[in-house]
Amino acid sequence: MWTTSMTSTWLAGFTVCLSLIVSIGAQNLYVLRQAVSGEHVRACVAWCVVSDALLIGIGVAGMAQVLGDSPTLAYYLTLGGALFLLAYGLMALWRAAMPAGAAPAADGTAAPSNAAQRGLWRVLGALVVITLFNPHVYLDTVVLVGSIGARQDGSLKWIFVLGAACASLAWFVMLASAGRRLQTLFAKPQAWRVMDGFTGVMMLALAWWVYSGLDSIGAA
């Protein structure tokens, strides 16, 4: 039987997760790009929701405390994430600098409007890398959301995870819908170059922000 405490716990998970994922990041920009290009959007949304739920569940189960007690792991995780964001940003800026007339995809190849669509596993493979190599994924889902969920009593921990997963689903479905509405605009190659330029600048800014936080972590 669904109780008031279960409802409040679900709402807590939904609110906390939504407040953290609604931000400009590599994963969100990739999903938006796939929605605009119409490539395997449902699979991308499904991966994002499942990965969020699994990582939050891992955090609730105790990994949040493990990461909090291991500054060395946190240090190298953050350093690797900064390097990944740097590479991702430079790749986006390289695409933005390409001559007009081609709408490049996230991995540098031509977009579906000018070439055959990329395969499902190729699209998902890139999204998996973007998700799992981004330090914010672990800091937000495992450490922050997971530690909050771990404070819930008994089975309410998993009600919290359910609420967080629902927030993730709502956000990525909305993002995919917004991308489909922008398909007409992105029929113009110049629009892709502008998007890539914006993505590149944001990723370089995030890379610097992540790297600048290394001093506060320190490696044991």
N, C-alpha and C. Protein backbone atom coordinates (compact mmCIF):
# COMPACT_ATOMS: atom_id res chain seq x y z
N MET A 1 0.85 -1.21 0.00
CA MET A 1 0.00 0.00 0.00
C MET A 1 0.88 1.25 0.00
N TRP A 2 0.54 2.17 -0.87
CA TRP A 2 1.31 3.42 -0.99
C TRP A 2 0.93 4.36 0.13
N THR A 3 1.90 4.83 0.90
CA THR A 3 1.66 5.67 2.06
C THR A 3 2.13 7.10 1.83
N THR A 4 1.81 7.96 2.80
CA THR A 4 2.22 9.36 2.72
C THR A 4 3.74 9.48 2.77
N SER A 5 4.39 8.68 3.60
CA SER A 5 5.84 8.74 3.70
C SER A 5 6.49 8.30 2.39
N MET A 6 5.89 7.35 1.70
CA MET A 6 6.42 6.92 0.40
C MET A 6 6.28 8.03 -0.63
N THR A 7 5.15 8.75 -0.57
CA THR A 7 4.93 9.86 -1.49
C THR A 7 5.95 10.97 -1.26
N SER A 8 6.19 11.32 0.00
CA SER A 8 7.14 12.39 0.32
C SER A 8 8.56 11.98 -0.07
N THR A 9 8.88 10.70 0.10
CA THR A 9 10.21 10.21 -0.28
C THR A 9 10.38 10.24 -1.80
N TRP A 10 9.32 9.82 -2.51
CA TRP A 10 9.36 9.86 -3.97
C TRP A 10 9.56 11.29 -4.47
N LEU A 11 8.83 12.22 -3.87
CA LEU A 11 8.94 13.63 -4.25
C LEU A 11 10.34 14.17 -3.96
N ALA A 12 10.92 13.71 -2.86
CA ALA A 12 12.28 14.15 -2.52
C ALA A 12 13.26 13.68 -3.57
N GLY A 13 13.17 12.41 -3.97
CA GLY A 13 14.04 11.88 -5.00
C GLY A 13 13.84 12.59 -6.33
N PHE A 14 12.58 12.84 -6.67
CA PHE A 14 12.26 13.52 -7.93
C PHE A 14 12.84 14.93 -7.94
N THR A 15 12.64 15.67 -6.86
CA THR A 15 13.07 17.07 -6.80
C THR A 15 14.58 17.20 -6.79
N VAL A 16 15.25 16.39 -5.97
CA VAL A 16 16.71 16.48 -5.87
C VAL A 16 17.36 16.13 -7.20
N CYS A 17 16.91 15.06 -7.83
CA CYS A 17 17.50 14.64 -9.10
C CYS A 17 17.25 15.68 -10.19
N LEU A 18 16.03 16.18 -10.27
CA LEU A 18 15.69 17.15 -11.31
C LEU A 18 16.51 18.42 -11.16
N SER A 19 16.74 18.85 -9.93
CA SER A 19 17.49 20.09 -9.71
C SER A 19 18.94 19.96 -10.15
N LEU A 20 19.47 18.73 -10.19
CA LEU A 20 20.87 18.52 -10.55
C LEU A 20 21.07 18.26 -12.04
N ILE A 21 20.11 17.58 -12.68
CA ILE A 21 20.32 17.22 -14.09
C ILE A 21 19.90 18.32 -15.04
N VAL A 22 19.08 19.28 -14.57
CA VAL A 22 18.66 20.37 -15.45
C VAL A 22 19.80 21.39 -15.52
N SER A 23 20.79 21.11 -16.30
CA SER A 23 21.94 22.00 -16.48
C SER A 23 22.59 21.68 -17.82
N ILE A 24 23.41 22.60 -18.30
CA ILE A 24 24.11 22.39 -19.57
C ILE A 24 25.32 21.50 -19.34
N GLY A 25 25.32 20.35 -19.97
CA GLY A 25 26.43 19.42 -19.81
C GLY A 25 26.60 18.59 -21.06
N ALA A 26 27.64 17.79 -21.08
CA ALA A 26 27.95 17.00 -22.27
C ALA A 26 26.82 16.02 -22.60
N GLN A 27 26.27 15.37 -21.60
CA GLN A 27 25.22 14.38 -21.85
C GLN A 27 23.96 15.04 -22.39
N ASN A 28 23.54 16.14 -21.76
CA ASN A 28 22.33 16.83 -22.21
C ASN A 28 22.48 17.35 -23.63
N LEU A 29 23.64 17.92 -23.94
CA LEU A 29 23.86 18.44 -25.28
C LEU A 29 23.90 17.33 -26.32
N TYR A 30 24.44 16.18 -25.95
CA TYR A 30 24.49 15.05 -26.88
C TYR A 30 23.07 14.55 -27.17
N VAL A 31 22.25 14.40 -26.14
CA VAL A 31 20.87 13.94 -26.33
C VAL A 31 20.09 14.95 -27.17
N LEU A 32 20.28 16.24 -26.91
CA LEU A 32 19.60 17.26 -27.70
C LEU A 32 20.02 17.17 -29.16
N ARG A 33 21.30 16.95 -29.40
CA ARG A 33 21.81 16.82 -30.76
C ARG A 33 21.20 15.62 -31.47
N GLN A 34 21.11 14.50 -30.76
CA GLN A 34 20.52 13.31 -31.36
C GLN A 34 19.04 13.52 -31.66
N ALA A 35 18.35 14.25 -30.78
CA ALA A 35 16.93 14.53 -31.02
C ALA A 35 16.75 15.41 -32.25
N VAL A 36 17.63 16.39 -32.41
CA VAL A 36 17.56 17.26 -33.58
C VAL A 36 17.82 16.48 -34.85
N SER A 37 18.81 15.58 -34.82
CA SER A 37 19.15 14.81 -36.01
C SER A 37 18.24 13.60 -36.20
N GLY A 38 17.46 13.24 -35.17
CA GLY A 38 16.53 12.13 -35.28
C GLY A 38 17.17 10.76 -35.25
N GLU A 39 18.33 10.63 -34.62
CA GLU A 39 19.06 9.37 -34.57
C GLU A 39 18.87 8.67 -33.23
N HIS A 40 18.14 7.55 -33.22
CA HIS A 40 18.05 6.66 -32.06
C HIS A 40 17.75 7.42 -30.76
N VAL A 41 16.77 8.30 -30.83
CA VAL A 41 16.47 9.17 -29.69
C VAL A 41 15.95 8.37 -28.50
N ARG A 42 15.05 7.44 -28.75
CA ARG A 42 14.48 6.66 -27.65
C ARG A 42 15.54 5.84 -26.93
N ALA A 43 16.46 5.27 -27.68
CA ALA A 43 17.54 4.50 -27.06
C ALA A 43 18.42 5.39 -26.21
N CYS A 44 18.68 6.62 -26.67
CA CYS A 44 19.50 7.56 -25.89
C CYS A 44 18.80 7.94 -24.60
N VAL A 45 17.50 8.22 -24.68
CA VAL A 45 16.73 8.56 -23.48
C VAL A 45 16.72 7.40 -22.50
N ALA A 46 16.51 6.19 -23.04
CA ALA A 46 16.48 5.00 -22.18
C ALA A 46 17.81 4.80 -21.46
N TRP A 47 18.93 4.97 -22.17
CA TRP A 47 20.23 4.81 -21.53
C TRP A 47 20.42 5.84 -20.42
N CYS A 48 20.06 7.09 -20.68
CA CYS A 48 20.25 8.14 -19.68
C CYS A 48 19.45 7.86 -18.41
N VAL A 49 18.20 7.42 -18.58
CA VAL A 49 17.34 7.14 -17.42
C VAL A 49 17.87 5.93 -16.64
N VAL A 50 18.20 4.86 -17.36
CA VAL A 50 18.69 3.64 -16.70
C VAL A 50 20.02 3.91 -15.98
N SER A 51 20.93 4.62 -16.65
CA SER A 51 22.23 4.90 -16.03
C SER A 51 22.08 5.78 -14.80
N ASP A 52 21.20 6.78 -14.86
CA ASP A 52 20.94 7.61 -13.69
C ASP A 52 20.42 6.78 -12.52
N ALA A 53 19.43 5.92 -12.81
CA ALA A 53 18.84 5.09 -11.75
C ALA A 53 19.88 4.15 -11.15
N LEU A 54 20.71 3.53 -11.99
CA LEU A 54 21.71 2.60 -11.49
C LEU A 54 22.77 3.31 -10.64
N LEU A 55 23.25 4.46 -11.11
CA LEU A 55 24.28 5.18 -10.37
C LEU A 55 23.75 5.72 -9.05
N ILE A 56 22.52 6.21 -9.06
CA ILE A 56 21.91 6.68 -7.81
C ILE A 56 21.71 5.50 -6.86
N GLY A 57 21.26 4.36 -7.42
CA GLY A 57 21.09 3.18 -6.59
C GLY A 57 22.40 2.72 -5.98
N ILE A 58 23.49 2.79 -6.75
CA ILE A 58 24.81 2.43 -6.23
C ILE A 58 25.21 3.38 -5.11
N GLY A 59 24.92 4.66 -5.30
CA GLY A 59 25.23 5.63 -4.25
C GLY A 59 24.43 5.37 -2.99
N VAL A 60 23.15 5.06 -3.15
CA VAL A 60 22.29 4.75 -1.99
C VAL A 60 22.80 3.51 -1.27
N ALA A 61 23.32 2.55 -2.05
CA ALA A 61 23.78 1.29 -1.46
C ALA A 61 25.11 1.42 -0.71
N GLY A 62 25.79 2.57 -0.84
CA GLY A 62 27.00 2.77 -0.05
C GLY A 62 28.21 3.31 -0.78
N MET A 63 28.17 3.38 -2.12
CA MET A 63 29.33 3.85 -2.85
C MET A 63 29.63 5.32 -2.58
N ALA A 64 28.61 6.09 -2.23
CA ALA A 64 28.84 7.51 -1.92
C ALA A 64 29.84 7.66 -0.78
N GLN A 65 29.71 6.82 0.24
CA GLN A 65 30.64 6.90 1.37
C GLN A 65 32.04 6.45 0.96
N VAL A 66 32.11 5.43 0.08
CA VAL A 66 33.41 4.95 -0.39
C VAL A 66 34.16 6.05 -1.13
N LEU A 67 33.48 6.73 -2.06
CA LEU A 67 34.11 7.81 -2.80
C LEU A 67 34.49 8.97 -1.89
N GLY A 68 33.64 9.24 -0.90
CA GLY A 68 33.93 10.33 0.03
C GLY A 68 35.15 10.05 0.89
N ASP A 69 35.42 8.77 1.14
CA ASP A 69 36.56 8.39 1.98
C ASP A 69 37.82 8.13 1.18
N SER A 70 37.78 8.31 -0.15
CA SER A 70 38.94 8.03 -0.99
C SER A 70 39.30 9.26 -1.82
N PRO A 71 40.06 10.20 -1.26
CA PRO A 71 40.42 11.40 -2.01
C PRO A 71 41.28 11.09 -3.24
N THR A 72 42.09 10.04 -3.19
CA THR A 72 42.91 9.69 -4.34
C THR A 72 42.04 9.30 -5.53
N LEU A 73 41.04 8.46 -5.28
CA LEU A 73 40.12 8.06 -6.33
C LEU A 73 39.37 9.26 -6.88
N ALA A 74 38.91 10.13 -5.99
CA ALA A 74 38.19 11.32 -6.41
C ALA A 74 39.08 12.23 -7.25
N TYR A 75 40.36 12.33 -6.86
CA TYR A 75 41.30 13.20 -7.57
C TYR A 75 41.50 12.73 -9.02
N TYR A 76 41.81 11.45 -9.19
CA TYR A 76 42.08 10.95 -10.54
C TYR A 76 40.81 10.85 -11.38
N LEU A 77 39.68 10.62 -10.75
CA LEU A 77 38.42 10.63 -11.46
C LEU A 77 38.14 12.03 -12.01
N THR A 78 38.38 13.03 -11.18
CA THR A 78 38.15 14.41 -11.60
C THR A 78 39.13 14.84 -12.68
N LEU A 79 40.41 14.46 -12.54
CA LEU A 79 41.42 14.79 -13.54
C LEU A 79 41.06 14.17 -14.90
N GLY A 80 40.69 12.91 -14.89
CA GLY A 80 40.30 12.26 -16.13
C GLY A 80 39.08 12.92 -16.75
N GLY A 81 38.15 13.32 -15.92
CA GLY A 81 36.96 14.00 -16.42
C GLY A 81 37.30 15.33 -17.07
N ALA A 82 38.23 16.09 -16.46
CA ALA A 82 38.64 17.38 -17.03
C ALA A 82 39.28 17.18 -18.40
N LEU A 83 40.13 16.16 -18.53
CA LEU A 83 40.77 15.89 -19.82
C LEU A 83 39.75 15.47 -20.87
N PHE A 84 38.78 14.68 -20.45
CA PHE A 84 37.74 14.26 -21.39
C PHE A 84 36.92 15.46 -21.87
N LEU A 85 36.52 16.32 -20.95
CA LEU A 85 35.75 17.50 -21.33
C LEU A 85 36.55 18.41 -22.25
N LEU A 86 37.86 18.51 -21.99
CA LEU A 86 38.73 19.31 -22.85
C LEU A 86 38.73 18.76 -24.27
N ALA A 87 38.92 17.45 -24.40
CA ALA A 87 38.94 16.82 -25.73
C ALA A 87 37.59 16.97 -26.43
N TYR A 88 36.51 16.80 -25.68
CA TYR A 88 35.16 16.92 -26.25
C TYR A 88 34.93 18.34 -26.75
N GLY A 89 35.36 19.33 -25.96
CA GLY A 89 35.18 20.72 -26.35
C GLY A 89 35.99 21.08 -27.58
N LEU A 90 37.25 20.61 -27.65
CA LEU A 90 38.09 20.89 -28.81
C LEU A 90 37.52 20.24 -30.07
N MET A 91 36.96 19.05 -29.93
CA MET A 91 36.36 18.38 -31.08
C MET A 91 35.15 19.17 -31.59
N ALA A 92 34.34 19.69 -30.66
CA ALA A 92 33.18 20.48 -31.05
C ALA A 92 33.60 21.76 -31.76
N LEU A 93 34.64 22.42 -31.26
CA LEU A 93 35.13 23.64 -31.91
C LEU A 93 35.71 23.34 -33.29
N TRP A 94 36.34 22.19 -33.44
CA TRP A 94 36.85 21.78 -34.75
C TRP A 94 35.70 21.60 -35.73
N ARG A 95 34.60 20.98 -35.30
CA ARG A 95 33.44 20.83 -36.17
C ARG A 95 32.85 22.19 -36.53
N ALA A 96 32.81 23.10 -35.56
CA ALA A 96 32.26 24.43 -35.82
C ALA A 96 33.09 25.19 -36.85
N ALA A 97 34.38 24.90 -36.92
CA ALA A 97 35.27 25.59 -37.86
C ALA A 97 35.26 24.98 -39.25
N MET A 98 34.59 23.83 -39.41
CA MET A 98 34.53 23.20 -40.73
C MET A 98 33.75 24.07 -41.70
N PRO A 99 34.04 23.98 -43.00
CA PRO A 99 33.30 24.76 -43.99
C PRO A 99 31.82 24.44 -43.97
N ALA A 100 31.00 25.45 -44.25
CA ALA A 100 29.56 25.23 -44.31
C ALA A 100 29.25 24.28 -45.46
N GLY A 101 28.09 23.58 -45.31
CA GLY A 101 27.68 22.66 -46.36
C GLY A 101 27.58 21.24 -45.87
N ALA A 102 28.07 21.02 -44.63
CA ALA A 102 27.92 19.71 -44.01
C ALA A 102 27.49 19.91 -42.58
N ALA A 103 26.60 19.08 -42.12
CA ALA A 103 26.14 19.14 -40.74
C ALA A 103 26.80 18.03 -39.97
N PRO A 104 27.97 18.25 -39.37
CA PRO A 104 28.73 17.18 -38.75
C PRO A 104 28.03 16.60 -37.54
N ALA A 105 28.21 15.31 -37.35
CA ALA A 105 27.63 14.65 -36.19
C ALA A 105 28.58 14.74 -35.03
N ALA A 106 28.18 14.17 -33.89
CA ALA A 106 28.95 14.34 -32.65
C ALA A 106 30.33 13.70 -32.72
N ASP A 107 30.53 12.74 -33.61
CA ASP A 107 31.83 12.11 -33.70
C ASP A 107 32.64 12.60 -34.89
N GLY A 108 32.17 13.69 -35.53
CA GLY A 108 32.92 14.30 -36.61
C GLY A 108 32.51 13.88 -38.00
N THR A 109 31.60 12.91 -38.13
CA THR A 109 31.14 12.47 -39.44
C THR A 109 29.96 13.32 -39.88
N ALA A 110 29.52 13.11 -41.12
CA ALA A 110 28.40 13.90 -41.62
C ALA A 110 27.12 13.54 -40.90
N ALA A 111 26.24 14.50 -40.78
CA ALA A 111 24.97 14.29 -40.10
C ALA A 111 24.04 13.47 -40.98
N PRO A 112 22.96 12.91 -40.41
CA PRO A 112 22.05 12.05 -41.17
C PRO A 112 21.43 12.73 -42.37
N SER A 113 21.32 14.07 -42.37
CA SER A 113 20.71 14.75 -43.49
C SER A 113 21.56 14.63 -44.75
N ASN A 114 22.84 14.40 -44.60
CA ASN A 114 23.74 14.33 -45.74
C ASN A 114 24.37 12.95 -45.90
N ALA A 115 24.09 12.04 -45.01
CA ALA A 115 24.69 10.71 -45.10
C ALA A 115 23.79 9.73 -44.38
N ALA A 116 24.11 8.44 -44.52
CA ALA A 116 23.32 7.43 -43.84
C ALA A 116 23.42 7.60 -42.34
N GLN A 117 22.33 7.25 -41.66
CA GLN A 117 22.33 7.38 -40.20
C GLN A 117 23.38 6.46 -39.59
N ARG A 118 23.94 6.93 -38.48
CA ARG A 118 24.89 6.11 -37.75
C ARG A 118 24.15 4.96 -37.06
N GLY A 119 24.86 3.86 -36.86
CA GLY A 119 24.26 2.71 -36.24
C GLY A 119 23.92 2.94 -34.77
N LEU A 120 23.00 2.14 -34.26
CA LEU A 120 22.55 2.28 -32.88
C LEU A 120 23.70 2.16 -31.89
N TRP A 121 24.55 1.14 -32.06
CA TRP A 121 25.62 0.90 -31.10
C TRP A 121 26.69 1.99 -31.16
N ARG A 122 26.86 2.58 -32.32
CA ARG A 122 27.82 3.68 -32.44
C ARG A 122 27.33 4.91 -31.68
N VAL A 123 26.03 5.19 -31.83
CA VAL A 123 25.44 6.33 -31.12
C VAL A 123 25.45 6.10 -29.62
N LEU A 124 25.02 4.91 -29.21
CA LEU A 124 24.98 4.61 -27.77
C LEU A 124 26.38 4.52 -27.18
N GLY A 125 27.32 4.00 -27.96
CA GLY A 125 28.69 3.90 -27.46
C GLY A 125 29.26 5.27 -27.11
N ALA A 126 29.02 6.25 -27.98
CA ALA A 126 29.49 7.61 -27.70
C ALA A 126 28.79 8.17 -26.46
N LEU A 127 27.49 7.90 -26.31
CA LEU A 127 26.76 8.40 -25.15
C LEU A 127 27.23 7.73 -23.86
N VAL A 128 27.55 6.44 -23.92
CA VAL A 128 28.07 5.74 -22.75
C VAL A 128 29.38 6.38 -22.29
N VAL A 129 30.27 6.67 -23.24
CA VAL A 129 31.54 7.30 -22.89
C VAL A 129 31.31 8.68 -22.29
N ILE A 130 30.43 9.47 -22.91
CA ILE A 130 30.13 10.81 -22.41
C ILE A 130 29.56 10.74 -21.00
N THR A 131 28.72 9.74 -20.74
CA THR A 131 28.10 9.60 -19.42
C THR A 131 29.10 9.16 -18.37
N LEU A 132 29.82 8.09 -18.63
CA LEU A 132 30.65 7.47 -17.60
C LEU A 132 32.00 8.14 -17.39
N PHE A 133 32.44 8.96 -18.35
CA PHE A 133 33.71 9.67 -18.20
C PHE A 133 33.53 11.11 -17.74
N ASN A 134 32.30 11.45 -17.40
CA ASN A 134 32.01 12.80 -16.92
C ASN A 134 31.99 12.78 -15.40
N PRO A 135 32.90 13.50 -14.73
CA PRO A 135 32.95 13.44 -13.27
C PRO A 135 31.67 13.95 -12.61
N HIS A 136 30.95 14.83 -13.30
CA HIS A 136 29.71 15.35 -12.71
C HIS A 136 28.67 14.26 -12.53
N VAL A 137 28.73 13.24 -13.39
CA VAL A 137 27.79 12.12 -13.25
C VAL A 137 27.95 11.47 -11.89
N TYR A 138 29.20 11.23 -11.49
CA TYR A 138 29.45 10.55 -10.21
C TYR A 138 29.23 11.50 -9.03
N LEU A 139 29.65 12.73 -9.20
CA LEU A 139 29.47 13.69 -8.11
C LEU A 139 27.99 13.96 -7.87
N ASP A 140 27.21 14.07 -8.97
CA ASP A 140 25.79 14.38 -8.82
C ASP A 140 24.97 13.16 -8.42
N THR A 141 25.11 12.06 -9.16
CA THR A 141 24.25 10.90 -8.92
C THR A 141 24.72 10.05 -7.74
N VAL A 142 25.98 9.61 -7.78
CA VAL A 142 26.46 8.70 -6.75
C VAL A 142 26.66 9.41 -5.42
N VAL A 143 27.39 10.53 -5.44
CA VAL A 143 27.75 11.19 -4.18
C VAL A 143 26.61 12.03 -3.61
N LEU A 144 26.13 13.01 -4.39
CA LEU A 144 25.12 13.94 -3.85
C LEU A 144 23.75 13.27 -3.69
N VAL A 145 23.17 12.82 -4.79
CA VAL A 145 21.84 12.22 -4.72
C VAL A 145 21.88 10.92 -3.92
N GLY A 146 22.92 10.11 -4.16
CA GLY A 146 23.02 8.84 -3.45
C GLY A 146 23.14 8.99 -1.96
N SER A 147 23.90 9.98 -1.50
CA SER A 147 24.06 10.18 -0.06
C SER A 147 22.76 10.66 0.57
N ILE A 148 21.98 11.45 -0.16
CA ILE A 148 20.68 11.89 0.37
C ILE A 148 19.72 10.71 0.45
N GLY A 149 19.72 9.90 -0.60
CA GLY A 149 18.84 8.73 -0.60
C GLY A 149 19.22 7.72 0.47
N ALA A 150 20.50 7.63 0.78
CA ALA A 150 20.97 6.67 1.79
C ALA A 150 20.44 7.01 3.18
N ARG A 151 20.01 8.24 3.40
CA ARG A 151 19.49 8.63 4.71
C ARG A 151 18.05 8.19 4.93
N GLN A 152 17.39 7.73 3.85
CA GLN A 152 16.01 7.29 3.99
C GLN A 152 15.96 5.96 4.76
N ASP A 153 14.85 5.69 5.37
CA ASP A 153 14.69 4.48 6.19
C ASP A 153 14.29 3.28 5.35
N GLY A 154 14.99 2.18 5.57
CA GLY A 154 14.61 0.90 4.99
C GLY A 154 14.33 0.93 3.50
N SER A 155 13.15 0.40 3.13
CA SER A 155 12.78 0.31 1.71
C SER A 155 12.49 1.67 1.09
N LEU A 156 12.37 2.70 1.91
CA LEU A 156 12.13 4.04 1.36
C LEU A 156 13.32 4.52 0.52
N LYS A 157 14.49 3.93 0.76
CA LYS A 157 15.65 4.27 -0.07
C LYS A 157 15.35 4.03 -1.54
N TRP A 158 14.67 2.95 -1.84
CA TRP A 158 14.42 2.59 -3.24
C TRP A 158 13.23 3.36 -3.79
N ILE A 159 12.35 3.83 -2.93
CA ILE A 159 11.30 4.76 -3.38
C ILE A 159 11.95 6.07 -3.80
N PHE A 160 12.98 6.47 -3.06
CA PHE A 160 13.74 7.67 -3.41
C PHE A 160 14.39 7.49 -4.78
N VAL A 161 15.00 6.32 -5.02
CA VAL A 161 15.63 6.04 -6.31
C VAL A 161 14.58 6.07 -7.42
N LEU A 162 13.40 5.54 -7.16
CA LEU A 162 12.31 5.55 -8.14
C LEU A 162 11.93 6.99 -8.49
N GLY A 163 11.81 7.84 -7.48
CA GLY A 163 11.49 9.23 -7.73
C GLY A 163 12.55 9.92 -8.57
N ALA A 164 13.81 9.62 -8.27
CA ALA A 164 14.92 10.19 -9.05
C ALA A 164 14.88 9.71 -10.50
N ALA A 165 14.58 8.43 -10.70
CA ALA A 165 14.49 7.89 -12.05
C ALA A 165 13.34 8.54 -12.83
N CYS A 166 12.24 8.81 -12.16
CA CYS A 166 11.10 9.48 -12.81
C CYS A 166 11.48 10.90 -13.23
N ALA A 167 12.26 11.57 -12.40
CA ALA A 167 12.73 12.92 -12.75
C ALA A 167 13.63 12.86 -13.97
N SER A 168 14.51 11.88 -14.01
CA SER A 168 15.41 11.71 -15.16
C SER A 168 14.61 11.44 -16.43
N LEU A 169 13.59 10.57 -16.32
CA LEU A 169 12.76 10.25 -17.48
C LEU A 169 12.03 11.50 -17.98
N ALA A 170 11.43 12.26 -17.06
CA ALA A 170 10.69 13.46 -17.44
C ALA A 170 11.60 14.47 -18.14
N TRP A 171 12.82 14.66 -17.61
CA TRP A 171 13.74 15.64 -18.18
C TRP A 171 14.19 15.24 -19.59
N PHE A 172 14.62 14.00 -19.76
CA PHE A 172 15.16 13.60 -21.06
C PHE A 172 14.08 13.47 -22.13
N VAL A 173 12.86 13.11 -21.73
CA VAL A 173 11.75 13.11 -22.69
C VAL A 173 11.47 14.54 -23.14
N MET A 174 11.48 15.48 -22.21
CA MET A 174 11.26 16.88 -22.54
C MET A 174 12.38 17.41 -23.44
N LEU A 175 13.63 17.00 -23.16
CA LEU A 175 14.77 17.42 -23.97
C LEU A 175 14.65 16.88 -25.39
N ALA A 176 14.25 15.62 -25.50
CA ALA A 176 14.07 15.01 -26.82
C ALA A 176 12.96 15.70 -27.60
N SER A 177 11.89 16.04 -26.90
CA SER A 177 10.78 16.75 -27.56
C SER A 177 11.22 18.12 -28.06
N ALA A 178 12.01 18.82 -27.25
CA ALA A 178 12.52 20.13 -27.67
C ALA A 178 13.42 19.99 -28.90
N GLY A 179 14.23 18.93 -28.94
CA GLY A 179 15.09 18.71 -30.09
C GLY A 179 14.31 18.48 -31.37
N ARG A 180 13.22 17.72 -31.27
CA ARG A 180 12.40 17.47 -32.46
C ARG A 180 11.78 18.76 -32.99
N ARG A 181 11.42 19.66 -32.10
CA ARG A 181 10.84 20.94 -32.51
C ARG A 181 11.86 21.84 -33.20
N LEU A 182 13.13 21.57 -32.98
CA LEU A 182 14.19 22.40 -33.57
C LEU A 182 14.73 21.83 -34.88
N GLN A 183 14.14 20.73 -35.36
CA GLN A 183 14.67 20.08 -36.55
C GLN A 183 14.64 20.99 -37.78
N THR A 184 13.59 21.81 -37.91
CA THR A 184 13.51 22.73 -39.05
C THR A 184 14.64 23.74 -39.02
N LEU A 185 14.91 24.28 -37.84
CA LEU A 185 16.00 25.25 -37.71
C LEU A 185 17.34 24.63 -38.07
N PHE A 186 17.56 23.39 -37.63
CA PHE A 186 18.85 22.75 -37.85
C PHE A 186 18.96 22.06 -39.20
N ALA A 187 17.98 22.32 -40.07
CA ALA A 187 18.13 21.89 -41.45
C ALA A 187 19.20 22.74 -42.14
N LYS A 188 19.53 23.89 -41.57
CA LYS A 188 20.56 24.77 -42.10
C LYS A 188 21.91 24.39 -41.49
N PRO A 189 22.91 24.10 -42.31
CA PRO A 189 24.24 23.71 -41.79
C PRO A 189 24.83 24.75 -40.83
N GLN A 190 24.55 26.03 -41.07
CA GLN A 190 25.12 27.07 -40.21
C GLN A 190 24.64 26.92 -38.77
N ALA A 191 23.41 26.44 -38.59
CA ALA A 191 22.87 26.26 -37.24
C ALA A 191 23.67 25.21 -36.48
N TRP A 192 24.10 24.16 -37.18
CA TRP A 192 24.92 23.13 -36.55
C TRP A 192 26.26 23.69 -36.11
N ARG A 193 26.82 24.59 -36.93
CA ARG A 193 28.11 25.19 -36.58
C ARG A 193 27.97 26.06 -35.34
N VAL A 194 26.86 26.79 -35.25
CA VAL A 194 26.62 27.61 -34.06
C VAL A 194 26.47 26.73 -32.82
N MET A 195 25.72 25.64 -32.96
CA MET A 195 25.53 24.73 -31.83
C MET A 195 26.85 24.11 -31.40
N ASP A 196 27.67 23.71 -32.37
CA ASP A 196 28.97 23.13 -32.04
C ASP A 196 29.88 24.15 -31.37
N GLY A 197 29.83 25.40 -31.84
CA GLY A 197 30.64 26.44 -31.21
C GLY A 197 30.22 26.66 -29.77
N PHE A 198 28.91 26.69 -29.52
CA PHE A 198 28.38 26.85 -28.16
C PHE A 198 28.79 25.67 -27.29
N THR A 199 28.64 24.45 -27.85
CA THR A 199 29.02 23.25 -27.12
C THR A 199 30.50 23.27 -26.76
N GLY A 200 31.34 23.63 -27.73
CA GLY A 200 32.78 23.66 -27.48
C GLY A 200 33.16 24.62 -26.37
N VAL A 201 32.59 25.82 -26.41
CA VAL A 201 32.89 26.82 -25.37
C VAL A 201 32.45 26.32 -24.01
N MET A 202 31.24 25.74 -23.93
CA MET A 202 30.72 25.24 -22.65
C MET A 202 31.58 24.10 -22.11
N MET A 203 32.02 23.20 -22.98
CA MET A 203 32.82 22.07 -22.52
C MET A 203 34.20 22.53 -22.04
N LEU A 204 34.80 23.52 -22.72
CA LEU A 204 36.09 24.04 -22.28
C LEU A 204 35.93 24.75 -20.93
N ALA A 205 34.84 25.46 -20.76
CA ALA A 205 34.59 26.13 -19.48
C ALA A 205 34.41 25.11 -18.36
N LEU A 206 33.67 24.04 -18.65
CA LEU A 206 33.48 22.98 -17.66
C LEU A 206 34.80 22.28 -17.34
N ALA A 207 35.62 22.05 -18.38
CA ALA A 207 36.91 21.41 -18.17
C ALA A 207 37.78 22.25 -17.23
N TRP A 208 37.80 23.55 -17.44
CA TRP A 208 38.59 24.43 -16.58
C TRP A 208 38.04 24.44 -15.15
N TRP A 209 36.72 24.45 -15.03
CA TRP A 209 36.09 24.47 -13.71
C TRP A 209 36.42 23.19 -12.94
N VAL A 210 36.34 22.05 -13.64
CA VAL A 210 36.67 20.77 -13.00
C VAL A 210 38.14 20.73 -12.61
N TYR A 211 39.02 21.16 -13.53
CA TYR A 211 40.46 21.13 -13.26
C TYR A 211 40.83 22.05 -12.11
N SER A 212 40.18 23.20 -12.03
CA SER A 212 40.52 24.16 -10.97
C SER A 212 40.12 23.65 -9.59
N GLY A 213 39.26 22.63 -9.55
CA GLY A 213 38.86 22.07 -8.25
C GLY A 213 39.77 20.98 -7.75
N LEU A 214 40.81 20.61 -8.52
CA LEU A 214 41.70 19.53 -8.12
C LEU A 214 42.48 19.88 -6.84
N ASP A 215 42.85 21.15 -6.69
CA ASP A 215 43.63 21.54 -5.51
C ASP A 215 42.87 21.30 -4.21
N SER A 216 41.56 21.47 -4.27
CA SER A 216 40.75 21.27 -3.07
C SER A 216 40.55 19.80 -2.74
N ILE A 217 40.80 18.91 -3.73
CA ILE A 217 40.66 17.47 -3.49
C ILE A 217 41.96 16.89 -2.98
N GLY A 218 43.04 17.08 -3.79
CA GLY A 218 44.34 16.55 -3.39
C GLY A 218 44.38 15.05 -3.50
N ALA A 219 45.53 14.52 -3.81
CA ALA A 219 45.69 13.07 -3.91
C ALA A 219 46.49 12.58 -2.71
N ALA A 220 46.01 11.54 -2.09
CA ALA A 220 46.67 11.01 -0.90
C ALA A 220 47.94 10.29 -1.30
